[in-house]
N, C-alpha and C. Protein backbone atom coordinates (compact mmCIF):
# COMPACT_ATOMS: atom_id res chain seq x y z
N GLY A 1 0.38 -1.04 -0.10
CA GLY A 1 0.03 0.22 0.45
C GLY A 1 0.53 0.93 0.10
N PRO A 2 0.66 2.11 0.38
CA PRO A 2 1.42 3.83 -0.56
C PRO A 2 1.04 3.88 2.03
N THR A 3 2.99 3.68 2.03
CA THR A 3 3.19 2.92 3.31
C THR A 3 3.47 4.66 3.09
N VAL A 4 4.13 5.56 2.99
CA VAL A 4 4.51 7.50 3.14
C VAL A 4 3.31 7.33 3.60
N ALA A 5 1.42 7.62 2.20
CA ALA A 5 1.26 8.56 2.41
C ALA A 5 0.36 7.52 4.23
N LEU A 6 -0.04 6.44 4.49
CA LEU A 6 -0.13 5.66 5.94
C LEU A 6 0.89 6.47 7.13
N LYS A 7 2.09 6.31 6.83
CA LYS A 7 3.36 7.15 7.76
C LYS A 7 2.16 8.13 8.45
N GLN A 8 2.16 9.05 7.64
CA GLN A 8 1.92 10.53 7.57
C GLN A 8 1.20 10.45 8.20
N SER A 9 -0.08 9.83 7.71
CA SER A 9 -1.45 10.18 8.29
C SER A 9 -1.80 9.56 9.58
N LYS A 10 -0.49 8.75 10.22
CA LYS A 10 -0.59 8.01 11.63
C LYS A 10 0.16 9.22 12.64
N ARG A 11 1.09 9.82 11.49
CA ARG A 11 1.91 10.90 13.25
C ARG A 11 0.73 11.61 12.80
N LEU A 12 0.27 12.45 11.61
CA LEU A 12 -0.78 13.44 12.12
C LEU A 12 -1.36 13.49 13.27
N VAL A 13 -1.97 11.76 13.32
CA VAL A 13 -3.22 11.77 14.45
C VAL A 13 -2.70 11.94 15.38
N GLU A 14 -1.48 11.08 15.63
CA GLU A 14 -0.98 11.18 17.12
C GLU A 14 -0.20 12.59 17.95
N GLN A 15 -0.23 13.47 16.14
CA GLN A 15 0.36 15.51 17.18
C GLN A 15 -1.00 15.76 17.72
N GLY A 16 -2.21 15.24 16.72
CA GLY A 16 -3.64 15.95 17.07
C GLY A 16 -3.50 16.31 17.56
N THR A 17 -3.65 15.23 19.36
CA THR A 17 -4.23 15.70 20.22
C THR A 17 -2.78 16.60 21.46
N THR A 18 -1.63 16.61 21.16
CA THR A 18 -1.07 18.14 21.95
C THR A 18 -1.17 18.65 21.03
N SER A 19 -1.45 19.40 19.70
CA SER A 19 -1.21 20.21 18.27
C SER A 19 -1.94 21.38 18.31
N SER A 20 -1.61 22.68 18.07
CA SER A 20 -3.11 24.09 18.61
C SER A 20 -3.64 23.82 16.69
N LEU A 21 -4.33 24.14 16.66
CA LEU A 21 -4.50 24.32 15.28
C LEU A 21 -3.59 25.07 13.64
N ASP A 22 -3.06 25.60 14.52
CA ASP A 22 -1.71 26.12 13.40
C ASP A 22 -0.85 25.66 13.64
N GLU A 23 -0.52 24.22 14.25
CA GLU A 23 -0.10 24.11 14.29
C GLU A 23 0.07 22.22 13.30
N ALA A 24 -1.39 22.21 13.44
CA ALA A 24 -1.66 20.92 12.93
C ALA A 24 -2.46 21.30 11.22
N ILE A 25 -2.29 22.32 10.80
CA ILE A 25 -2.50 22.81 9.78
C ILE A 25 -1.11 23.56 9.32
N GLU A 26 -0.42 23.21 9.67
CA GLU A 26 1.09 23.08 9.37
C GLU A 26 1.51 21.68 8.63
N ASN A 27 1.25 21.14 9.90
CA ASN A 27 1.65 19.55 9.93
C ASN A 27 1.25 19.12 8.89
N GLU A 28 -0.12 19.21 8.77
CA GLU A 28 -0.85 19.00 7.48
C GLU A 28 -0.54 19.76 6.34
N ALA A 29 -0.17 20.34 5.79
CA ALA A 29 0.54 20.99 4.48
C ALA A 29 1.93 19.26 4.09
N ALA A 30 2.57 19.84 5.45
CA ALA A 30 4.33 18.66 5.40
C ALA A 30 3.41 18.06 4.60
N ALA A 31 2.56 17.21 5.99
CA ALA A 31 2.48 16.28 5.47
C ALA A 31 1.45 15.87 3.42
N GLN A 32 1.28 16.79 3.62
CA GLN A 32 0.28 16.98 1.92
C GLN A 32 2.03 17.39 0.98
N ILE A 33 2.49 17.81 1.19
CA ILE A 33 3.62 18.03 0.07
C ILE A 33 4.89 16.75 0.38
N VAL A 34 5.26 16.37 1.97
CA VAL A 34 5.74 14.60 1.43
C VAL A 34 5.00 13.52 0.50
N SER A 35 3.73 13.31 0.71
CA SER A 35 3.40 12.49 0.47
C SER A 35 2.83 12.39 -1.08
N ALA A 36 2.98 13.37 -1.50
CA ALA A 36 2.46 14.25 -3.09
C ALA A 36 3.64 14.16 -3.59
N SER A 37 4.85 13.78 -2.89
CA SER A 37 6.27 14.12 -4.50
C SER A 37 6.69 12.38 -4.32
N THR A 38 5.48 11.21 -4.25
CA THR A 38 6.09 9.85 -3.70
C THR A 38 6.09 9.13 -5.18
N ASP A 39 5.92 8.38 -5.72
CA ASP A 39 6.48 7.33 -6.55
C ASP A 39 5.00 7.07 -6.72
N ASP A 40 4.56 6.25 -5.19
CA ASP A 40 2.51 6.34 -4.93
C ASP A 40 1.74 6.46 -4.82
N HIS A 41 1.76 8.31 -4.99
CA HIS A 41 0.37 9.11 -5.38
C HIS A 41 0.43 9.59 -6.83
N GLY A 42 2.03 9.08 -7.42
CA GLY A 42 2.08 9.10 -9.83
C GLY A 42 1.21 8.41 -9.41
N GLU A 43 1.24 6.74 -9.14
CA GLU A 43 0.84 5.36 -9.42
C GLU A 43 -0.48 5.34 -9.45
N GLY A 44 -0.54 7.03 -8.04
CA GLY A 44 -2.59 5.96 -7.73
C GLY A 44 -3.15 7.70 -8.12
N VAL A 45 -2.93 8.39 -9.00
CA VAL A 45 -3.24 8.72 -10.31
C VAL A 45 -2.99 7.97 -10.98
N ARG A 46 -2.47 7.83 -12.03
CA ARG A 46 -2.19 7.16 -13.49
C ARG A 46 -3.49 5.74 -13.50
N ALA A 47 -2.96 4.98 -12.26
CA ALA A 47 -4.03 3.74 -11.85
C ALA A 47 -6.20 4.36 -11.91
N PHE A 48 -5.80 6.19 -11.27
CA PHE A 48 -7.46 6.51 -11.31
C PHE A 48 -7.53 7.37 -13.09
N VAL A 49 -6.82 7.41 -12.99
CA VAL A 49 -7.14 8.16 -14.98
C VAL A 49 -7.33 6.86 -15.63
N GLU A 50 -6.58 5.43 -15.39
CA GLU A 50 -6.61 4.69 -15.31
C GLU A 50 -7.51 3.90 -15.81
N ARG A 51 -8.06 4.23 -14.45
CA ARG A 51 -9.71 3.23 -14.38
C ARG A 51 -8.92 1.74 -13.77
N ARG A 52 -7.72 2.14 -13.45
CA ARG A 52 -7.74 0.31 -12.75
C ARG A 52 -7.06 -0.19 -11.38
N ASP A 53 -6.89 -0.34 -11.27
CA ASP A 53 -6.40 -0.22 -9.27
C ASP A 53 -5.12 -0.22 -9.33
N PRO A 54 -4.21 0.36 -8.35
CA PRO A 54 -2.89 0.55 -7.86
C PRO A 54 -2.42 -0.05 -7.89
N GLU A 55 -0.41 -0.25 -8.33
CA GLU A 55 0.16 -1.33 -7.85
C GLU A 55 1.41 -0.36 -7.43
N PHE A 56 0.53 -0.20 -5.54
CA PHE A 56 1.83 0.50 -5.05
C PHE A 56 2.57 -0.16 -4.39
N ASP A 57 3.88 0.39 -4.53
CA ASP A 57 4.86 -0.18 -3.67
C ASP A 57 6.17 0.47 -2.96
N GLY A 58 5.38 1.01 -2.50
CA GLY A 58 6.29 1.55 -0.70
C GLY A 58 6.97 2.96 -1.49
N THR A 59 7.26 3.74 -1.94
CA THR A 59 8.00 4.32 -2.59
C THR A 59 6.76 5.35 -2.89
């Protein structure tokens, strides 16, 4: 699966109880940048456009 994105999501959930709203927004923006720059993100977009199941490799 898309391991980088899942790791980012887990980190955001864990930080959610101790972060202010401003910190949470900044953390979310940073996580989006990291996740969107992965090979898995590109594969997910291509698979969506091609109407097929994605083949994630964890990168």
